[in-house]
Amino acid sequence: MNSLDKRTLRNYALALVGCVVVVVAAQLLFKTADPVEEYLQKTPDKQEVLGLFQSKAQLATTEVTLRRMGIYDSETRLATINPANWRLGRRACIMPVDMTIKYGVDMRKLTAADIVIDTSNVVRIHLPEPEVIDYHVEMRTDRREVVTMSGWLRDEVGEQTMQTIKNKVVEEVMADSTLFNSLRTEIQGNTRAIFRSMLQQMGLKPVFTN
């Protein structure tokens, strides 16, 4: 191959490299921004974080199923779940009351003032206090589980009587803070775990405060 052919090939190679450089530079210069990629790279603001939490509204994170024994006294026509109130000689019955209680956090109570995002993407959140979100009482009662304490009843245990027992049991269970307080830490932990995962996917480092 003579020197002319070598120069021609070298010129072609240089021209080809030059074209590649120009094309790459043009792509970098005129690249169209991907809105999805920009959103993922952008640090979410306080309103976006607030919207995420409030979209869950009343979030139930802990569920408890329990059975309490309700007592009906035919003399006083009162229902109770306190065995200390039993008295000999009274005609009464006891029956089980099955309940399911759901605990969680009402995110509608969260405000922008409860959220702080700093420059290092750390988001500090003060969550609302845990509470009862919902409860359900089993309406059907197996009469074989209704026990007569005195051997026979002066008053028949009808549907109205059983509903009276259930209402009283629910009232006393809801007023008893012992069960709720024993679950408080679990409720908070479950709620934080759910939102910690969501916030990390948004590129944030969640810190929950009491």
Protein backbone atom coordinates (compact mmCIF):
# COMPACT_ATOMS: atom_id res chain seq x y z
CA MET A 1 0.00 0.00 0.00
CA ASN A 2 1.49 3.34 -1.06
CA SER A 3 1.70 6.46 1.08
CA LEU A 4 -1.30 8.04 -0.68
CA ASP A 5 -3.56 5.16 0.29
CA LYS A 6 -2.33 5.29 3.88
CA ARG A 7 -3.06 9.00 4.10
CA THR A 8 -6.52 8.44 2.64
CA LEU A 9 -7.34 5.70 5.18
CA ARG A 10 -6.01 7.85 8.03
CA ASN A 11 -8.17 10.75 6.90
CA TYR A 12 -11.23 8.52 6.74
CA ALA A 13 -10.53 7.21 10.26
CA LEU A 14 -10.09 10.71 11.65
CA ALA A 15 -13.28 11.83 9.93
CA LEU A 16 -15.19 8.87 11.39
CA VAL A 17 -13.92 9.60 14.92
CA GLY A 18 -14.86 13.24 14.46
CA CYS A 19 -18.40 12.28 13.47
CA VAL A 20 -18.80 10.05 16.53
CA VAL A 21 -17.58 12.85 18.82
CA VAL A 22 -20.02 15.31 17.25
CA VAL A 23 -22.96 12.93 17.60
CA VAL A 24 -22.21 12.18 21.26
CA ALA A 25 -21.75 15.87 22.05
CA ALA A 26 -25.03 16.69 20.35
CA GLN A 27 -26.87 14.05 22.38
CA LEU A 28 -25.45 15.40 25.62
CA LEU A 29 -26.21 18.98 24.64
CA PHE A 30 -29.77 18.47 23.43
CA LYS A 31 -30.80 15.54 25.67
CA THR A 32 -34.49 15.72 26.64
CA ALA A 33 -35.06 15.54 30.40
CA ASP A 34 -36.95 12.49 31.62
CA PRO A 35 -39.71 13.80 33.96
CA VAL A 36 -39.89 10.49 35.86
CA GLU A 37 -36.12 10.48 36.44
CA GLU A 38 -36.19 14.13 37.49
CA TYR A 39 -38.99 13.38 39.99
CA LEU A 40 -37.08 10.47 41.49
CA GLN A 41 -33.97 12.61 41.84
CA LYS A 42 -35.82 15.56 43.35
CA THR A 43 -36.09 15.68 47.12
CA PRO A 44 -39.80 15.50 48.08
CA ASP A 45 -41.06 18.58 49.87
CA LYS A 46 -43.09 18.76 53.06
CA GLN A 47 -46.45 18.80 51.29
CA GLU A 48 -45.63 15.62 49.36
CA VAL A 49 -44.68 13.82 52.56
CA LEU A 50 -47.82 15.13 54.28
CA GLY A 51 -49.94 13.91 51.34
CA LEU A 52 -48.38 10.46 51.60
CA PHE A 53 -49.33 10.15 55.26
CA GLN A 54 -52.81 11.64 54.95
CA SER A 55 -53.62 9.36 52.02
CA LYS A 56 -53.65 6.50 54.54
CA ALA A 57 -56.24 8.31 56.70
CA GLN A 58 -57.10 6.07 59.67
CA LEU A 59 -54.31 3.52 59.47
CA ALA A 60 -54.94 0.42 61.60
CA THR A 61 -51.65 -1.37 62.31
CA THR A 62 -52.50 -3.59 65.28
CA GLU A 63 -55.50 -5.90 65.68
CA VAL A 64 -56.54 -7.71 68.84
CA THR A 65 -59.22 -10.39 69.18
CA LEU A 66 -60.44 -11.00 72.72
CA ARG A 67 -63.22 -12.64 74.70
CA ARG A 68 -64.75 -11.17 77.83
CA MET A 69 -67.38 -12.70 80.06
CA GLY A 70 -70.47 -10.56 80.55
CA ILE A 71 -72.74 -11.06 83.56
CA TYR A 72 -76.43 -10.26 83.73
CA ASP A 73 -78.10 -9.81 87.12
CA SER A 74 -81.86 -10.35 87.02
CA GLU A 75 -82.31 -8.43 90.28
CA THR A 76 -80.66 -5.18 89.28
CA ARG A 77 -80.92 -5.71 85.51
CA LEU A 78 -77.33 -4.53 85.19
CA ALA A 79 -74.58 -6.14 83.18
CA THR A 80 -70.96 -6.16 84.26
CA ILE A 81 -67.67 -7.91 83.64
CA ASN A 82 -66.43 -7.37 87.18
CA PRO A 83 -66.67 -10.65 89.17
CA ALA A 84 -66.31 -8.67 92.42
CA ASN A 85 -69.95 -7.58 91.97
CA TRP A 86 -71.34 -11.11 92.15
CA ARG A 87 -73.53 -11.87 95.16
CA LEU A 88 -74.91 -15.18 96.31
CA GLY A 89 -78.66 -15.59 96.03
CA ARG A 90 -79.02 -13.55 92.88
CA ARG A 91 -80.27 -15.19 89.76
CA ALA A 92 -77.87 -14.27 87.03
CA CYS A 93 -76.29 -15.55 83.86
CA ILE A 94 -72.88 -15.17 82.27
CA MET A 95 -72.14 -15.18 78.57
CA PRO A 96 -69.05 -14.70 76.41
CA VAL A 97 -68.65 -11.57 74.32
CA ASP A 98 -66.17 -11.77 71.44
CA MET A 99 -64.59 -8.55 70.18
CA THR A 100 -62.03 -7.46 67.62
CA ILE A 101 -60.34 -4.10 68.20
CA LYS A 102 -58.18 -2.33 65.65
CA TYR A 103 -55.62 0.19 66.89
CA GLY A 104 -53.59 2.64 64.85
CA VAL A 105 -53.00 6.30 64.06
CA ASP A 106 -55.39 8.79 62.49
CA MET A 107 -53.16 10.43 59.87
CA ARG A 108 -55.75 13.12 59.25
CA LYS A 109 -54.48 14.69 62.48
CA LEU A 110 -50.96 15.07 61.03
CA THR A 111 -50.09 18.66 59.97
CA ALA A 112 -47.25 20.30 58.06
CA ALA A 113 -45.91 21.56 61.39
CA ASP A 114 -45.25 17.93 62.37
CA ILE A 115 -42.82 17.43 59.45
CA VAL A 116 -39.29 18.82 59.07
CA ILE A 117 -36.99 18.00 56.12
CA ASP A 118 -33.35 19.09 56.33
CA THR A 119 -30.70 19.48 53.61
CA SER A 120 -29.36 15.95 54.10
CA ASN A 121 -32.77 14.42 53.20
CA VAL A 122 -33.52 13.54 56.81
CA VAL A 123 -37.25 13.91 57.50
CA ARG A 124 -38.33 14.26 61.12
CA ILE A 125 -41.96 13.36 61.79
CA HIS A 126 -44.04 13.73 64.93
CA LEU A 127 -46.86 11.19 64.56
CA PRO A 128 -50.29 11.62 66.18
CA GLU A 129 -51.05 9.54 69.26
CA PRO A 130 -52.26 5.94 68.76
CA GLU A 131 -55.97 5.31 69.25
CA VAL A 132 -58.78 2.85 68.60
CA ILE A 133 -59.53 2.98 64.88
CA ASP A 134 -62.40 0.52 64.80
CA TYR A 135 -63.95 -2.38 66.69
CA HIS A 136 -66.32 -5.20 65.93
CA VAL A 137 -68.52 -7.21 68.30
CA GLU A 138 -69.66 -10.68 67.29
CA MET A 139 -73.43 -10.40 67.15
CA ARG A 140 -74.20 -14.12 67.13
CA THR A 141 -74.17 -15.81 70.52
CA ASP A 142 -74.19 -19.56 70.98
CA ARG A 143 -76.83 -20.12 73.67
CA ARG A 144 -74.99 -23.26 74.74
CA GLU A 145 -72.27 -20.94 76.07
CA VAL A 146 -74.71 -18.93 78.20
CA VAL A 147 -74.38 -20.16 81.79
CA THR A 148 -77.01 -19.77 84.51
CA MET A 149 -75.35 -19.04 87.85
CA SER A 150 -78.30 -19.98 90.10
CA GLY A 151 -79.63 -22.99 88.20
CA TRP A 152 -82.58 -21.19 86.70
CA LEU A 153 -83.46 -17.66 85.60
CA ARG A 154 -86.30 -15.52 86.81
CA ASP A 155 -86.12 -13.59 83.55
CA GLU A 156 -85.52 -15.22 80.21
CA VAL A 157 -82.24 -14.33 78.53
CA GLY A 158 -83.63 -12.89 75.32
CA GLU A 159 -81.96 -10.96 72.53
CA GLN A 160 -82.48 -7.64 74.32
CA THR A 161 -80.80 -8.96 77.47
CA MET A 162 -77.86 -10.31 75.52
CA GLN A 163 -77.46 -6.98 73.73
CA THR A 164 -77.46 -5.24 77.10
CA ILE A 165 -74.63 -7.50 78.22
CA LYS A 166 -72.65 -6.86 75.05
CA ASN A 167 -73.07 -3.10 75.28
CA LYS A 168 -71.86 -3.09 78.88
CA VAL A 169 -68.88 -5.27 78.07
CA VAL A 170 -67.87 -3.02 75.17
CA GLU A 171 -68.22 0.06 77.37
CA GLU A 172 -65.99 -1.37 80.08
CA VAL A 173 -63.37 -2.73 77.67
CA MET A 174 -63.07 0.63 75.91
CA ALA A 175 -62.79 2.45 79.24
CA ASP A 176 -60.00 0.13 80.42
CA SER A 177 -56.67 1.74 79.51
CA THR A 178 -54.59 -1.27 80.59
CA LEU A 179 -54.95 -3.16 77.31
CA PHE A 180 -54.39 -0.05 75.19
CA ASN A 181 -51.29 1.01 77.14
CA SER A 182 -49.81 -2.48 76.82
CA LEU A 183 -50.11 -2.20 73.03
CA ARG A 184 -48.98 1.41 72.61
CA THR A 185 -45.35 0.59 71.78
CA GLU A 186 -46.39 -2.10 69.28
CA ILE A 187 -48.86 0.23 67.55
CA GLN A 188 -46.25 2.96 67.18
CA GLY A 189 -43.62 0.48 65.97
CA ASN A 190 -45.92 -1.02 63.32
CA THR A 191 -46.95 2.42 62.06
CA ARG A 192 -43.38 3.64 61.81
CA ALA A 193 -42.27 0.49 59.97
CA ILE A 194 -44.90 1.01 57.26
CA PHE A 195 -43.98 4.63 56.61
CA ARG A 196 -40.24 4.10 57.02
CA SER A 197 -40.27 1.86 53.93
CA MET A 198 -42.35 4.35 51.92
CA LEU A 199 -40.17 7.32 52.83
CA GLN A 200 -36.95 5.46 52.04
CA GLN A 201 -38.32 4.74 48.56
CA MET A 202 -38.74 8.52 48.18
CA GLY A 203 -35.05 9.00 48.97
CA LEU A 204 -35.66 10.25 52.51
CA LYS A 205 -34.17 9.16 55.83
CA PRO A 206 -37.07 9.04 58.31
CA VAL A 207 -36.67 9.88 61.98
CA PHE A 208 -39.80 9.57 64.13
CA THR A 209 -40.11 11.66 67.26
CA ASN A 210 -42.47 11.28 70.22
